[in-house]
Amino acid sequence: MAQLTVYLDSEVLNRIEAAAVKSNLSVSKWVREKLENALKNEWPASYFLYLVLLKILIYRKQKRLISNKISKGRNFDLSSRYKYLYLCA
């Protein structure tokens, strides 16, 4: 296995050592795991699900706000009307 030398200030080293002890790992293994995880090109399993849910919530909120303006007879700009028609489509 290859070796790597890294220069750190003492505060960072103390924090790494404390985290390694808390994880019940050696400093070397703790750092290796953190580096491996940081270099993975994977998204968390639920990331895209939450992204879709967030977009749905934003869509519903926008539609509700525009609908409330229409039902209360408030004037709003033409772009909002087009946005409402787009959201309803």
Protein backbone atom coordinates (compact mmCIF):
# COMPACT_ATOMS: atom_id res chain seq x y z
CA MET A 1 0.00 0.00 0.00
CA ALA A 2 1.28 3.47 -0.85
CA GLN A 3 2.12 6.07 1.78
CA LEU A 4 1.28 9.76 1.84
CA THR A 5 2.79 12.55 3.92
CA VAL A 6 0.52 15.44 4.84
CA TYR A 7 1.47 18.55 6.78
CA LEU A 8 -1.20 19.71 9.23
CA ASP A 9 -1.32 22.24 12.00
CA SER A 10 -1.63 20.83 15.51
CA GLU A 11 -5.29 21.86 15.93
CA VAL A 12 -6.38 19.89 12.87
CA LEU A 13 -4.31 16.90 13.95
CA ASN A 14 -5.89 16.98 17.42
CA ARG A 15 -9.37 17.02 15.88
CA ILE A 16 -8.52 14.12 13.58
CA GLU A 17 -7.10 12.09 16.46
CA ALA A 18 -10.20 12.76 18.57
CA ALA A 19 -12.50 11.72 15.70
CA ALA A 20 -10.46 8.55 15.12
CA VAL A 21 -10.64 7.61 18.81
CA LYS A 22 -14.38 8.30 18.82
CA SER A 23 -14.77 6.02 15.76
CA ASN A 24 -12.56 3.38 17.39
CA LEU A 25 -10.15 3.50 14.43
CA SER A 26 -6.50 4.28 13.96
CA VAL A 27 -5.73 7.76 12.63
CA SER A 28 -4.44 6.24 9.41
CA LYS A 29 -7.56 4.16 8.82
CA TRP A 30 -9.87 7.07 9.75
CA VAL A 31 -8.12 9.43 7.29
CA ARG A 32 -8.07 6.76 4.57
CA GLU A 33 -11.83 6.16 4.93
CA LYS A 34 -12.57 9.89 4.81
CA LEU A 35 -10.44 10.34 1.69
CA GLU A 36 -12.02 7.33 -0.03
CA ASN A 37 -15.52 8.64 0.74
CA ALA A 38 -14.63 12.13 -0.48
CA LEU A 39 -13.38 10.75 -3.79
CA LYS A 40 -16.40 8.58 -4.55
CA ASN A 41 -18.50 9.90 -7.40
CA GLU A 42 -21.74 8.68 -5.88
CA TRP A 43 -24.74 10.57 -4.61
CA PRO A 44 -26.45 9.42 -1.43
CA ALA A 45 -29.24 6.96 -2.21
CA SER A 46 -32.03 9.33 -1.22
CA TYR A 47 -30.56 12.49 -2.77
CA PHE A 48 -32.62 12.49 -5.96
CA LEU A 49 -35.80 11.50 -4.15
CA TYR A 50 -35.47 14.53 -1.86
CA LEU A 51 -34.66 16.74 -4.84
CA VAL A 52 -37.85 15.67 -6.64
CA LEU A 53 -39.92 16.13 -3.47
CA LEU A 54 -38.48 19.61 -2.99
CA LYS A 55 -39.37 20.56 -6.57
CA ILE A 56 -42.92 19.27 -6.08
CA LEU A 57 -43.31 21.30 -2.88
CA ILE A 58 -42.02 24.45 -4.56
CA TYR A 59 -44.34 23.89 -7.52
CA ARG A 60 -47.37 23.46 -5.25
CA LYS A 61 -46.51 26.53 -3.19
CA GLN A 62 -46.10 28.70 -6.31
CA LYS A 63 -49.38 27.42 -7.74
CA ARG A 64 -51.19 28.05 -4.44
CA LEU A 65 -49.82 31.58 -4.11
CA ILE A 66 -50.83 32.54 -7.64
CA SER A 67 -54.22 30.87 -7.26
CA ASN A 68 -54.86 32.83 -4.05
CA LYS A 69 -54.07 36.08 -5.84
CA ILE A 70 -56.57 35.24 -8.58
CA SER A 71 -59.31 34.19 -6.14
CA LYS A 72 -58.91 37.37 -4.10
CA GLY A 73 -59.17 39.50 -7.24
CA ARG A 74 -55.77 41.05 -6.77
CA ASN A 75 -53.99 42.51 -9.72
CA PHE A 76 -50.70 40.96 -10.59
CA ASP A 77 -48.41 41.31 -13.53
CA LEU A 78 -48.85 39.49 -16.81
CA SER A 79 -45.82 37.26 -16.26
CA SER A 80 -47.49 35.84 -13.13
CA ARG A 81 -50.57 34.98 -15.17
CA TYR A 82 -48.44 33.14 -17.69
CA LYS A 83 -46.66 31.38 -14.86
CA TYR A 84 -50.01 30.30 -13.42
CA LEU A 85 -51.16 28.97 -16.77
CA TYR A 86 -47.84 27.12 -17.10
CA LEU A 87 -48.18 25.60 -13.62
CA CYS A 88 -51.75 24.51 -14.34
CA ALA A 89 -50.80 22.81 -17.59
